[in-house]
Amino acid sequence: MDANDRDVDLEPTFKRFPQDRAMLALLIRTNAVVRIMCEEHAMATTALDHFEQAPDAERRPEVAEYRALKAELEVELETVIQDARQLRLPGEPGRK
């Protein structure tokens, strides 16, 4: 399956990085690796939410696994976002 063939709701990732929504949208359109990272983050977030709502959540190994995966992806995405911010030129719209 090609990354373009996927129909993954990326809203969980956009909600995690609301201040960087526009930057993430641009990166997703222009970088397949970033898109895959965002898809994996969104899927991990959705799965974690599902497992955390289970009555036996405290005993489910999936909860810890998905928490770790989600946290790892968030660190990686934060790094990608920071790197992208540094590449923006002075005076470019949105540049701080």
C-alpha atoms as a PDB file:
ATOM      1  CA  MET A   1       0.000   0.000   0.000  1.00  0.00           C
ATOM      2  CA  ASP A   2       1.331   3.379  -1.015  1.00  0.00           C
ATOM      3  CA  ALA A   3       1.224   6.277   1.480  1.00  0.00           C
ATOM      4  CA  ASN A   4      -1.088   8.131  -0.896  1.00  0.00           C
ATOM      5  CA  ASP A   5      -3.558   5.229  -0.852  1.00  0.00           C
ATOM      6  CA  ARG A   6      -4.118   5.479   2.895  1.00  0.00           C
ATOM      7  CA  ASP A   7      -7.168   7.153   4.315  1.00  0.00           C
ATOM      8  CA  VAL A   8      -6.006   7.925   7.851  1.00  0.00           C
ATOM      9  CA  ASP A   9      -7.689  10.622   9.921  1.00  0.00           C
ATOM     10  CA  LEU A  10      -4.791  12.853  10.964  1.00  0.00           C
ATOM     11  CA  GLU A  11      -6.886  14.944  13.344  1.00  0.00           C
ATOM     12  CA  PRO A  12      -5.373  13.292  16.473  1.00  0.00           C
ATOM     13  CA  THR A  13      -1.943  14.496  15.338  1.00  0.00           C
ATOM     14  CA  PHE A  14      -3.191  17.982  14.473  1.00  0.00           C
ATOM     15  CA  LYS A  15      -4.825  18.151  17.925  1.00  0.00           C
ATOM     16  CA  ARG A  16      -1.516  17.229  19.553  1.00  0.00           C
ATOM     17  CA  PHE A  17       0.301  20.031  17.692  1.00  0.00           C
ATOM     18  CA  PRO A  18      -2.429  22.680  17.240  1.00  0.00           C
ATOM     19  CA  GLN A  19      -0.025  25.619  16.961  1.00  0.00           C
ATOM     20  CA  ASP A  20       1.826  23.805  14.158  1.00  0.00           C
ATOM     21  CA  ARG A  21      -1.188  22.635  12.148  1.00  0.00           C
ATOM     22  CA  ALA A  22      -0.239  24.641   9.034  1.00  0.00           C
ATOM     23  CA  MET A  23       3.398  23.538   9.216  1.00  0.00           C
ATOM     24  CA  LEU A  24       2.381  19.890   9.624  1.00  0.00           C
ATOM     25  CA  ALA A  25      -0.065  20.123   6.725  1.00  0.00           C
ATOM     26  CA  LEU A  26       2.709  21.466   4.500  1.00  0.00           C
ATOM     27  CA  LEU A  27       5.172  18.808   5.652  1.00  0.00           C
ATOM     28  CA  ILE A  28       2.605  16.046   5.116  1.00  0.00           C
ATOM     29  CA  ARG A  29       2.025  17.217   1.535  1.00  0.00           C
ATOM     30  CA  THR A  30       5.721  17.501   0.720  1.00  0.00           C
ATOM     31  CA  ASN A  31       7.411  14.743   2.725  1.00  0.00           C
ATOM     32  CA  ALA A  32       6.248  11.111   2.602  1.00  0.00           C
ATOM     33  CA  VAL A  33       8.250  10.196   5.707  1.00  0.00           C
ATOM     34  CA  VAL A  34       6.549  12.920   7.752  1.00  0.00           C
ATOM     35  CA  ARG A  35       3.165  11.824   6.425  1.00  0.00           C
ATOM     36  CA  ILE A  36       3.837   8.254   7.520  1.00  0.00           C
ATOM     37  CA  MET A  37       4.983   9.461  10.954  1.00  0.00           C
ATOM     38  CA  CYS A  38       1.779  11.491  11.318  1.00  0.00           C
ATOM     39  CA  GLU A  39      -0.346   8.549  10.192  1.00  0.00           C
ATOM     40  CA  GLU A  40       1.394   6.268  12.685  1.00  0.00           C
ATOM     41  CA  HIS A  41       0.917   8.840  15.446  1.00  0.00           C
ATOM     42  CA  ALA A  42      -2.781   9.233  14.638  1.00  0.00           C
ATOM     43  CA  MET A  43      -3.312   5.475  14.549  1.00  0.00           C
ATOM     44  CA  ALA A  44      -1.378   4.967  17.801  1.00  0.00           C
ATOM     45  CA  THR A  45      -3.429   7.711  19.477  1.00  0.00           C
ATOM     46  CA  THR A  46      -6.694   6.164  18.316  1.00  0.00           C
ATOM     47  CA  ALA A  47      -5.610   2.681  19.408  1.00  0.00           C
ATOM     48  CA  LEU A  48      -4.423   3.965  22.786  1.00  0.00           C
ATOM     49  CA  ASP A  49      -7.746   5.724  23.362  1.00  0.00           C
ATOM     50  CA  HIS A  50      -9.536   2.456  22.540  1.00  0.00           C
ATOM     51  CA  PHE A  51      -7.415   0.320  24.870  1.00  0.00           C
ATOM     52  CA  GLU A  52      -7.552   2.875  27.705  1.00  0.00           C
ATOM     53  CA  GLN A  53     -11.354   2.702  27.651  1.00  0.00           C
ATOM     54  CA  ALA A  54     -11.388  -1.074  28.109  1.00  0.00           C
ATOM     55  CA  PRO A  55     -12.522  -2.299  31.531  1.00  0.00           C
ATOM     56  CA  ASP A  56      -9.263  -4.210  31.918  1.00  0.00           C
ATOM     57  CA  ALA A  57      -7.054  -1.352  30.679  1.00  0.00           C
ATOM     58  CA  GLU A  58      -4.674  -1.502  33.650  1.00  0.00           C
ATOM     59  CA  ARG A  59      -3.824  -5.126  32.756  1.00  0.00           C
ATOM     60  CA  ARG A  60      -3.544  -4.694  29.004  1.00  0.00           C
ATOM     61  CA  PRO A  61       0.037  -4.600  27.707  1.00  0.00           C
ATOM     62  CA  GLU A  62      -1.185  -2.672  24.671  1.00  0.00           C
ATOM     63  CA  VAL A  63      -1.753   0.420  26.798  1.00  0.00           C
ATOM     64  CA  ALA A  64       1.910   0.713  27.759  1.00  0.00           C
ATOM     65  CA  GLU A  65       3.041  -0.208  24.246  1.00  0.00           C
ATOM     66  CA  TYR A  66       0.871   2.424  22.569  1.00  0.00           C
ATOM     67  CA  ARG A  67       1.765   5.072  25.153  1.00  0.00           C
ATOM     68  CA  ALA A  68       5.448   4.464  24.447  1.00  0.00           C
ATOM     69  CA  LEU A  69       4.942   4.471  20.672  1.00  0.00           C
ATOM     70  CA  LYS A  70       2.870   7.658  20.810  1.00  0.00           C
ATOM     71  CA  ALA A  71       5.446   9.412  23.007  1.00  0.00           C
ATOM     72  CA  GLU A  72       8.304   8.360  20.718  1.00  0.00           C
ATOM     73  CA  LEU A  73       6.494   9.620  17.631  1.00  0.00           C
ATOM     74  CA  GLU A  74       5.680  12.915  19.368  1.00  0.00           C
ATOM     75  CA  VAL A  75       9.364  13.486  20.138  1.00  0.00           C
ATOM     76  CA  GLU A  76      10.271  12.743  16.519  1.00  0.00           C
ATOM     77  CA  LEU A  77       7.512  14.980  15.164  1.00  0.00           C
ATOM     78  CA  GLU A  78       8.503  17.825  17.488  1.00  0.00           C
ATOM     79  CA  THR A  79      12.055  17.576  16.146  1.00  0.00           C
ATOM     80  CA  VAL A  80      10.803  17.628  12.544  1.00  0.00           C
ATOM     81  CA  ILE A  81       8.627  20.655  13.278  1.00  0.00           C
ATOM     82  CA  GLN A  82      11.471  22.526  14.980  1.00  0.00           C
ATOM     83  CA  ASP A  83      13.814  21.740  12.088  1.00  0.00           C
ATOM     84  CA  ALA A  84      11.219  22.992   9.600  1.00  0.00           C
ATOM     85  CA  ARG A  85      10.777  26.216  11.580  1.00  0.00           C
ATOM     86  CA  GLN A  86      14.520  26.855  11.452  1.00  0.00           C
ATOM     87  CA  LEU A  87      14.525  26.465   7.673  1.00  0.00           C
ATOM     88  CA  ARG A  88      11.971  29.247   7.180  1.00  0.00           C
ATOM     89  CA  LEU A  89      13.502  32.444   5.912  1.00  0.00           C
ATOM     90  CA  PRO A  90      13.446  35.706   7.931  1.00  0.00           C
ATOM     91  CA  GLY A  91      10.476  37.820   6.938  1.00  0.00           C
ATOM     92  CA  GLU A  92       8.519  34.814   5.675  1.00  0.00           C
ATOM     93  CA  PRO A  93       4.885  34.816   6.849  1.00  0.00           C
ATOM     94  CA  GLY A  94       4.542  33.011  10.158  1.00  0.00           C
ATOM     95  CA  ARG A  95       8.218  33.488  11.023  1.00  0.00           C
ATOM     96  CA  LYS A  96       8.781  34.552  14.623  1.00  0.00           C
END
